[in-house]
Amino acid sequence: MPKPVIVGAVRTAIGRSFKGTLVNTSAEQLAIAVLPEVIRRSGIDSTEVGDVILAETNYGGGDIARYAAVASGMEAVPGQSVSRHCAGSLTAIGNAAAQIGSGMERVVVAGGVQSLSTGPIMKWRVPDPAAADVSFVEPWIPPSHPETPDAPTLDMAITVGWNTAKKVGISREQMDAWAVRSHERAIAAIDAEKFVDEIMPLKVQRPDGSMIDFAVDEFPRRGTSLEQLASLRVLHPEIEGFSITAGNSSGMNDAAAAVTVVDEDYATANGLTTLGSVRAWGAVGVAPRDCGLGAVKVIGPVLERAGLTVADVDLWEINEAFASVPIAACREHGIDEDRVNTSGSGCSLGHPIAASGARMVTTLLYELRRRGGGIGVAAMCAGGGQGGAVVVEVKG
């Protein structure tokens, strides 16, 4: 069987939604920036690309992958858009690896894009306004789902953050400490210029009309302390013991990320530099009320598919949708926290929903290469009660 390998990986810097640098940059603009750049970095001609697969979330129609292909002058290349909410771009990479592994394609670009700043606002249409009050953005769970206090239709602070913390026994102090460390690691990575190779500078017009090259993640907060986070109000003070705050949650962010997946024989024949191989991928479903546990539950199956154990993994990216999620995964699987999110994650870098998975894989590849190779796992929960993961290997 053909072996899927990654020969290019790139992302934009991550912006703060609604008031950050990318506030006027649409998802389409982000997509048509990363697509030609990842192809250029891969060292291949765009005519060699067999498909483009991009994740998107709640865009309400259209096909952003095809849009980006056409806008990039690749009219002969089809485009496929996928959605698994937060884990969408992990699924896109898995789909690309499957196409390569099956021998149906030799070159596929996969990733994801998110612009919460410019995306459409989706609302439920309720036939009888007196019967229900459900009009809000991001319908993660269908209205038919039985709503209970611990499984509200739309509030992921409860279904991801709080329910996970309760079930695993994670305190607010532990979540705040994780979030502080996330910011410290992200700032340290920025200062050490660890992200320079993976980030493409993006020329952006700011709201005041000036043009800048946006190349540094703007969400991490320098000097974040436990005292600062402890002073924050919980998101649901009406719930006794509630411990989720803005400080131990991920941000609302804009970004795009993509990788080029090819057949290893094709890479060898064309003298391409291999960043790493895709060992396995997968997804699971969990009860919507236990959404945060999707990241925990997917780890076992994806490692089994790769023929690996937790002890074989050198680095982990477990998305900090809420700090309780990676803490739960570490406890349940006996993962060394020092190997998890070594350059920050959702609480610090931010969580550009459909782009986060590809961002995590990109960061893993570059960090593993700096360390001389190894196995990396990117895992995350996803809206509606899901989990997704991808296993990569970088040769030393």
Protein backbone atom coordinates (compact mmCIF):
# COMPACT_ATOMS: atom_id res chain seq x y z
CA MET A 1 0.00 0.00 0.00
CA PRO A 2 1.22 3.54 -0.68
CA LYS A 3 2.52 5.30 2.43
CA PRO A 4 1.11 8.79 3.08
CA VAL A 5 3.79 11.32 4.00
CA ILE A 6 3.66 15.07 4.60
CA VAL A 7 5.99 17.20 2.49
CA GLY A 8 4.70 20.65 3.39
CA ALA A 9 3.01 22.26 6.40
CA VAL A 10 2.18 25.88 7.05
CA ARG A 11 -0.18 28.07 9.02
CA THR A 12 -1.03 31.70 9.47
CA ALA A 13 -0.47 33.46 12.74
CA ILE A 14 -3.55 33.20 14.95
CA GLY A 15 -5.65 36.33 15.34
CA ARG A 16 -8.07 37.37 18.06
CA SER A 17 -11.62 37.24 16.68
CA PHE A 18 -13.70 40.41 16.35
CA LYS A 19 -11.00 42.81 17.55
CA GLY A 20 -7.70 41.41 16.32
CA THR A 21 -5.52 41.80 13.26
CA LEU A 22 -7.59 39.42 11.10
CA VAL A 23 -10.92 41.04 11.93
CA ASN A 24 -11.48 42.04 8.28
CA THR A 25 -9.85 38.98 6.70
CA SER A 26 -12.41 36.45 5.49
CA ALA A 27 -12.10 32.68 5.62
CA GLU A 28 -11.85 32.70 1.83
CA GLN A 29 -8.89 35.11 1.96
CA LEU A 30 -7.17 32.93 4.55
CA ALA A 31 -7.75 29.84 2.43
CA ILE A 32 -6.33 31.35 -0.74
CA ALA A 33 -3.29 32.48 1.23
CA VAL A 34 -2.30 29.11 2.72
CA LEU A 35 -3.15 26.91 -0.29
CA PRO A 36 -0.53 28.19 -2.77
CA GLU A 37 1.98 28.68 0.05
CA VAL A 38 1.85 25.08 1.26
CA ILE A 39 2.18 23.88 -2.34
CA ARG A 40 5.17 26.17 -2.86
CA ARG A 41 6.83 24.92 0.33
CA SER A 42 6.20 21.33 -0.75
CA GLY A 43 8.29 21.82 -3.87
CA ILE A 44 5.65 20.54 -6.27
CA ASP A 45 3.75 22.05 -9.17
CA SER A 46 0.10 22.91 -8.51
CA THR A 47 -0.90 20.83 -11.54
CA GLU A 48 0.19 17.74 -9.59
CA VAL A 49 -2.43 18.27 -6.87
CA GLY A 50 -5.26 15.77 -7.11
CA ASP A 51 -7.58 17.24 -4.50
CA VAL A 52 -7.89 19.98 -1.88
CA ILE A 53 -9.68 19.16 1.38
CA LEU A 54 -10.37 22.00 3.81
CA ALA A 55 -12.34 21.92 7.03
CA GLU A 56 -14.84 24.64 7.79
CA THR A 57 -17.39 25.07 10.55
CA ASN A 58 -20.87 26.62 10.36
CA TYR A 59 -20.31 28.47 7.11
CA GLY A 60 -23.81 27.62 5.96
CA GLY A 61 -23.09 26.42 2.43
CA GLY A 62 -20.58 26.79 -0.36
CA ASP A 63 -17.30 24.90 -0.74
CA ILE A 64 -14.36 26.88 0.55
CA ALA A 65 -11.82 24.30 -0.69
CA ARG A 66 -13.04 24.62 -4.27
CA TYR A 67 -13.21 28.40 -3.89
CA ALA A 68 -9.57 28.47 -2.82
CA ALA A 69 -8.49 26.15 -5.65
CA VAL A 70 -10.13 28.29 -8.33
CA ALA A 71 -8.93 31.55 -6.79
CA SER A 72 -5.39 30.12 -6.73
CA GLY A 73 -5.49 29.35 -10.45
CA MET A 74 -6.09 25.62 -9.95
CA GLU A 75 -9.30 25.25 -11.93
CA ALA A 76 -8.58 21.60 -12.78
CA VAL A 77 -8.27 20.67 -9.08
CA PRO A 78 -11.50 19.77 -7.24
CA GLY A 79 -12.16 20.93 -3.71
CA GLN A 80 -13.81 19.11 -0.83
CA SER A 81 -14.99 20.83 2.33
CA VAL A 82 -15.52 18.82 5.50
CA SER A 83 -16.85 19.56 8.96
CA ARG A 84 -16.27 17.80 12.22
CA HIS A 85 -16.42 21.07 14.10
CA CYS A 86 -13.24 21.48 16.19
CA ALA A 87 -11.66 18.28 14.80
CA GLY A 88 -12.49 19.14 11.19
CA SER A 89 -8.96 19.65 9.91
CA LEU A 90 -7.76 16.46 11.62
CA THR A 91 -10.45 14.69 9.61
CA ALA A 92 -9.31 16.52 6.47
CA ILE A 93 -5.77 15.22 7.00
CA GLY A 94 -7.10 11.73 7.67
CA ASN A 95 -9.19 11.85 4.48
CA ALA A 96 -6.14 12.98 2.52
CA ALA A 97 -4.04 10.15 3.96
CA ALA A 98 -6.80 7.68 3.06
CA GLN A 99 -6.86 8.89 -0.54
CA ILE A 100 -3.08 8.53 -0.75
CA GLY A 101 -3.01 5.18 1.06
CA SER A 102 -5.67 3.74 -1.22
CA GLY A 103 -3.68 4.71 -4.29
CA MET A 104 -6.50 6.86 -5.64
CA GLU A 105 -4.42 10.08 -5.41
CA ARG A 106 -0.73 10.90 -5.22
CA VAL A 107 -0.91 14.53 -3.98
CA VAL A 108 -3.60 16.03 -1.73
CA VAL A 109 -3.62 19.29 0.23
CA ALA A 110 -5.57 19.18 3.50
CA GLY A 111 -6.21 21.62 6.33
CA GLY A 112 -8.77 24.00 7.71
CA VAL A 113 -9.77 27.62 7.96
CA GLN A 114 -11.75 29.69 10.44
CA SER A 115 -12.81 33.31 10.51
CA LEU A 116 -15.18 33.83 13.39
CA SER A 117 -14.71 37.55 12.81
CA THR A 118 -16.34 37.50 9.38
CA GLY A 119 -18.33 34.25 9.34
CA PRO A 120 -22.11 34.17 9.01
CA ILE A 121 -24.28 34.12 12.11
CA MET A 122 -26.46 31.00 12.14
CA LYS A 123 -29.71 30.84 14.08
CA TRP A 124 -32.31 28.22 14.72
CA ARG A 125 -35.74 28.92 13.26
CA VAL A 126 -38.35 28.11 15.89
CA PRO A 127 -41.89 27.71 14.44
CA ASP A 128 -43.57 28.68 17.70
CA PRO A 129 -41.58 31.35 19.56
CA ALA A 130 -43.59 30.61 22.70
CA ALA A 131 -42.53 26.96 22.62
CA ALA A 132 -38.77 27.46 22.82
CA ASP A 133 -36.14 30.14 23.04
CA VAL A 134 -33.36 28.72 20.90
CA SER A 135 -31.75 31.33 18.67
CA PHE A 136 -27.98 31.41 18.87
CA VAL A 137 -24.82 30.93 16.84
CA GLU A 138 -23.09 27.60 16.35
CA PRO A 139 -25.78 24.91 16.71
CA TRP A 140 -23.50 22.10 17.90
CA ILE A 141 -26.36 19.81 18.90
CA PRO A 142 -29.73 19.44 17.12
CA PRO A 143 -32.79 20.96 18.79
CA SER A 144 -34.25 17.46 19.09
CA HIS A 145 -31.55 16.54 21.62
CA PRO A 146 -33.12 16.35 25.10
CA GLU A 147 -31.86 19.41 26.91
CA THR A 148 -30.90 18.99 30.56
CA PRO A 149 -28.95 21.25 32.95
CA ASP A 150 -25.76 19.26 32.32
CA ALA A 151 -26.35 18.99 28.56
CA PRO A 152 -27.63 22.33 27.26
CA THR A 153 -27.94 22.53 23.51
CA LEU A 154 -25.39 25.27 22.97
CA ASP A 155 -23.22 25.86 26.04
CA MET A 156 -19.87 24.14 25.62
CA ALA A 157 -18.51 25.70 28.79
CA ILE A 158 -20.78 23.14 30.45
CA THR A 159 -20.64 20.14 28.11
CA VAL A 160 -16.89 20.38 27.47
CA GLY A 161 -15.28 22.29 30.32
CA TRP A 162 -17.41 21.78 33.40
CA ASN A 163 -18.71 18.26 32.85
CA THR A 164 -15.18 17.04 32.10
CA ALA A 165 -13.81 18.71 35.23
CA LYS A 166 -16.58 17.20 37.37
CA LYS A 167 -16.28 13.70 35.95
CA VAL A 168 -12.49 13.52 36.33
CA GLY A 169 -12.29 15.53 39.56
CA ILE A 170 -10.32 18.53 38.28
CA SER A 171 -10.28 21.68 40.41
CA ARG A 172 -10.32 25.28 39.22
CA GLU A 173 -6.84 25.75 40.67
CA GLN A 174 -5.53 22.89 38.55
CA MET A 175 -7.15 24.27 35.41
CA ASP A 176 -5.86 27.78 36.09
CA ALA A 177 -2.34 26.42 36.65
CA TRP A 178 -2.52 24.57 33.33
CA ALA A 179 -3.70 27.74 31.55
CA VAL A 180 -0.89 29.84 33.07
CA ARG A 181 1.65 27.28 31.92
CA SER A 182 0.07 27.29 28.46
CA HIS A 183 0.65 31.05 28.18
CA GLU A 184 4.18 30.73 29.53
CA ARG A 185 5.00 28.04 26.98
CA ALA A 186 3.45 29.97 24.09
CA ILE A 187 5.35 33.15 24.98
CA ALA A 188 8.58 31.18 25.39
CA ALA A 189 8.04 29.59 21.95
CA ILE A 190 7.41 33.00 20.38
CA ASP A 191 10.50 34.48 22.04
CA ALA A 192 12.60 31.52 20.87
CA GLU A 193 11.19 31.98 17.33
CA LYS A 194 9.97 28.39 17.30
CA PHE A 195 6.97 29.28 15.16
CA VAL A 196 8.89 31.24 12.50
CA ASP A 197 9.31 28.23 10.18
CA GLU A 198 5.68 27.15 10.38
CA ILE A 199 4.02 30.57 10.06
CA MET A 200 3.63 32.34 6.73
CA PRO A 201 3.66 36.14 7.04
CA LEU A 202 0.30 37.44 5.86
CA LYS A 203 -0.08 40.95 4.49
CA VAL A 204 -3.14 42.35 6.22
CA GLN A 205 -4.92 45.68 6.19
CA ARG A 206 -5.71 46.75 9.72
CA PRO A 207 -8.95 48.57 10.63
CA ASP A 208 -7.05 51.91 10.56
CA GLY A 209 -6.07 51.26 6.93
CA SER A 210 -2.40 50.49 7.55
CA MET A 211 -0.79 47.37 6.07
CA ILE A 212 1.29 44.96 8.15
CA ASP A 213 2.92 41.57 7.77
CA PHE A 214 1.05 39.51 10.34
CA ALA A 215 3.39 36.75 11.50
CA VAL A 216 3.11 36.43 15.30
CA ASP A 217 0.23 34.85 17.23
CA GLU A 218 -1.52 37.68 19.03
CA PHE A 219 -3.62 35.80 21.60
CA PRO A 220 -0.94 34.70 24.15
CA ARG A 221 -0.75 37.07 27.11
CA ARG A 222 2.69 37.81 28.47
CA GLY A 223 2.86 37.79 32.27
CA THR A 224 -0.34 35.80 32.84
CA SER A 225 -0.42 34.76 36.50
CA LEU A 226 -2.40 32.50 38.81
CA GLU A 227 -3.51 35.58 40.72
CA GLN A 228 -4.96 37.14 37.57
CA LEU A 229 -6.85 34.00 36.61
CA ALA A 230 -8.11 33.45 40.15
CA SER A 231 -9.74 36.90 40.06
CA LEU A 232 -11.87 36.09 37.01
CA ARG A 233 -15.60 35.52 37.37
CA VAL A 234 -16.85 32.03 36.52
CA LEU A 235 -18.97 31.80 33.39
CA HIS A 236 -21.98 30.34 35.21
CA PRO A 237 -22.16 31.72 38.77
CA GLU A 238 -25.68 30.33 39.07
CA ILE A 239 -24.28 26.76 39.03
CA GLU A 240 -22.92 25.71 42.40
CA GLY A 241 -19.21 25.01 42.30
CA PHE A 242 -18.82 26.03 38.66
CA SER A 243 -15.12 26.49 37.87
CA ILE A 244 -14.88 27.44 34.20
CA THR A 245 -13.70 30.98 33.42
CA ALA A 246 -12.47 32.83 30.38
CA GLY A 247 -8.98 32.27 31.72
CA ASN A 248 -9.06 28.47 31.65
CA SER A 249 -10.95 28.35 28.36
CA SER A 250 -9.75 28.67 24.78
CA GLY A 251 -10.09 31.88 22.86
CA MET A 252 -12.22 32.87 19.88
CA ASN A 253 -9.80 33.07 17.00
CA ASP A 254 -9.13 33.33 13.28
CA ALA A 255 -6.49 31.40 11.30
CA ALA A 256 -5.79 28.86 8.58
CA ALA A 257 -3.42 25.89 8.32
CA ALA A 258 -2.66 23.27 5.68
CA VAL A 259 -0.40 20.31 4.92
CA THR A 260 0.49 18.54 1.67
CA VAL A 261 0.11 14.75 1.81
CA VAL A 262 1.73 12.63 -0.90
CA ASP A 263 2.64 9.04 -1.70
CA GLU A 264 6.10 8.30 -0.26
CA ASP A 265 7.26 6.85 -3.59
CA TYR A 266 6.18 10.07 -5.30
CA ALA A 267 8.15 12.10 -2.74
CA THR A 268 11.25 9.99 -3.30
CA ALA A 269 10.97 10.10 -7.08
CA ASN A 270 10.65 13.87 -7.07
CA GLY A 271 13.32 14.58 -4.46
CA LEU A 272 10.86 16.10 -1.97
CA THR A 273 11.71 16.69 1.67
CA THR A 274 9.51 14.56 3.92
CA LEU A 275 8.48 16.27 7.15
CA GLY A 276 6.80 13.17 8.55
CA SER A 277 4.43 10.32 7.82
CA VAL A 278 0.80 9.83 8.80
CA ARG A 279 0.65 6.65 10.89
CA ALA A 280 -3.05 6.65 11.80
CA TRP A 281 -6.18 8.77 12.18
CA GLY A 282 -9.62 8.31 13.63
CA ALA A 283 -12.69 9.76 15.30
CA VAL A 284 -15.16 8.72 18.00
CA GLY A 285 -18.57 9.80 19.24
CA VAL A 286 -19.53 10.37 22.87
CA ALA A 287 -22.66 11.59 24.59
CA PRO A 288 -23.03 15.32 23.85
CA ARG A 289 -23.02 16.05 27.60
CA ASP A 290 -19.56 14.45 27.74
CA CYS A 291 -18.20 16.32 24.74
CA GLY A 292 -14.86 17.09 26.38
CA LEU A 293 -14.19 13.39 26.87
CA GLY A 294 -14.08 12.92 23.10
CA ALA A 295 -10.38 13.85 23.20
CA VAL A 296 -9.84 11.25 25.93
CA LYS A 297 -11.78 8.44 24.24
CA VAL A 298 -10.17 8.79 20.80
CA ILE A 299 -6.60 8.30 22.02
CA GLY A 300 -6.87 4.55 22.69
CA PRO A 301 -8.36 3.60 19.29
CA VAL A 302 -5.98 5.77 17.26
CA LEU A 303 -2.92 4.41 19.06
CA GLU A 304 -4.17 0.87 18.50
CA ARG A 305 -4.56 1.59 14.77
CA ALA A 306 -0.97 2.84 14.70
CA GLY A 307 0.30 -0.20 16.62
CA LEU A 308 1.56 2.06 19.42
CA THR A 309 1.13 2.64 23.15
CA VAL A 310 1.16 5.84 25.19
CA ALA A 311 4.80 5.10 26.09
CA ASP A 312 5.76 5.24 22.40
CA VAL A 313 4.59 8.83 21.97
CA ASP A 314 7.19 11.57 22.26
CA LEU A 315 4.97 14.65 21.96
CA TRP A 316 1.25 15.34 22.29
CA GLU A 317 -0.99 18.14 21.11
CA ILE A 318 -4.25 17.86 23.05
CA ASN A 319 -6.31 20.93 22.30
CA GLU A 320 -7.17 23.16 25.23
CA ALA A 321 -10.76 23.86 24.26
CA PHE A 322 -10.91 24.10 28.03
CA ALA A 323 -7.98 23.31 30.32
CA SER A 324 -9.93 20.40 31.80
CA VAL A 325 -9.65 18.45 28.51
CA PRO A 326 -5.86 17.85 28.34
CA ILE A 327 -5.72 17.37 32.11
CA ALA A 328 -8.37 14.66 31.82
CA ALA A 329 -6.53 12.98 28.95
CA CYS A 330 -3.26 12.96 30.90
CA ARG A 331 -4.93 11.44 33.95
CA GLU A 332 -6.92 8.82 32.10
CA HIS A 333 -4.00 7.63 29.94
CA GLY A 334 -1.05 8.26 32.24
CA ILE A 335 0.46 10.85 29.89
CA ASP A 336 3.42 12.90 31.07
CA GLU A 337 2.18 16.52 31.15
CA ASP A 338 5.65 17.77 30.19
CA ARG A 339 5.16 16.15 26.76
CA VAL A 340 1.80 17.85 26.13
CA ASN A 341 1.33 21.19 24.36
CA THR A 342 4.97 22.14 24.80
CA SER A 343 4.44 25.43 22.92
CA GLY A 344 0.99 26.26 24.26
CA SER A 345 -2.46 25.47 22.89
CA GLY A 346 -6.04 26.71 22.97
CA CYS A 347 -5.86 28.63 26.25
CA SER A 348 -2.87 30.62 25.00
CA LEU A 349 -2.44 30.36 21.24
CA GLY A 350 -6.19 30.28 20.72
CA HIS A 351 -8.64 27.92 19.04
CA PRO A 352 -9.50 28.84 15.43
CA ILE A 353 -12.01 26.01 15.33
CA ALA A 354 -11.74 24.36 11.90
CA ALA A 355 -8.04 25.24 11.59
CA SER A 356 -6.87 24.03 15.01
CA GLY A 357 -6.24 20.39 14.07
CA ALA A 358 -3.99 21.26 11.13
CA ARG A 359 -2.25 23.88 13.28
CA MET A 360 -1.56 21.18 15.89
CA VAL A 361 -0.18 18.74 13.32
CA THR A 362 1.99 21.48 11.79
CA THR A 363 3.41 22.43 15.19
CA LEU A 364 4.05 18.76 16.03
CA LEU A 365 5.97 18.17 12.80
CA TYR A 366 8.27 21.13 13.25
CA GLU A 367 8.88 20.47 16.95
CA LEU A 368 9.61 16.78 16.42
CA ARG A 369 12.10 17.69 13.68
CA ARG A 370 13.86 20.09 16.07
CA ARG A 371 14.12 17.25 18.59
CA GLY A 372 15.53 14.76 16.14
CA GLY A 373 12.33 12.87 15.30
CA GLY A 374 9.73 10.77 17.09
CA ILE A 375 6.04 10.02 17.34
CA GLY A 376 3.44 12.75 17.79
CA VAL A 377 -0.29 12.60 18.48
CA ALA A 378 -2.79 15.43 17.89
CA ALA A 379 -6.12 14.84 19.65
CA MET A 380 -9.11 17.00 20.40
CA CYS A 381 -12.77 16.99 21.30
CA ALA A 382 -15.32 18.34 18.86
CA GLY A 383 -18.76 19.90 19.02
CA GLY A 384 -21.78 17.65 19.33
CA GLY A 385 -19.93 14.97 21.31
CA GLN A 386 -16.99 13.81 19.19
CA GLY A 387 -13.25 13.32 19.27
CA GLY A 388 -10.63 13.25 16.52
CA ALA A 389 -6.95 12.34 16.37
CA VAL A 390 -4.00 11.94 13.99
CA VAL A 391 -0.71 10.13 14.64
CA VAL A 392 2.41 11.33 12.83
CA GLU A 393 5.98 10.07 12.80
CA VAL A 394 9.10 12.08 12.07
CA LYS A 395 12.25 10.12 11.24
CA GLY A 396 15.45 11.15 12.99
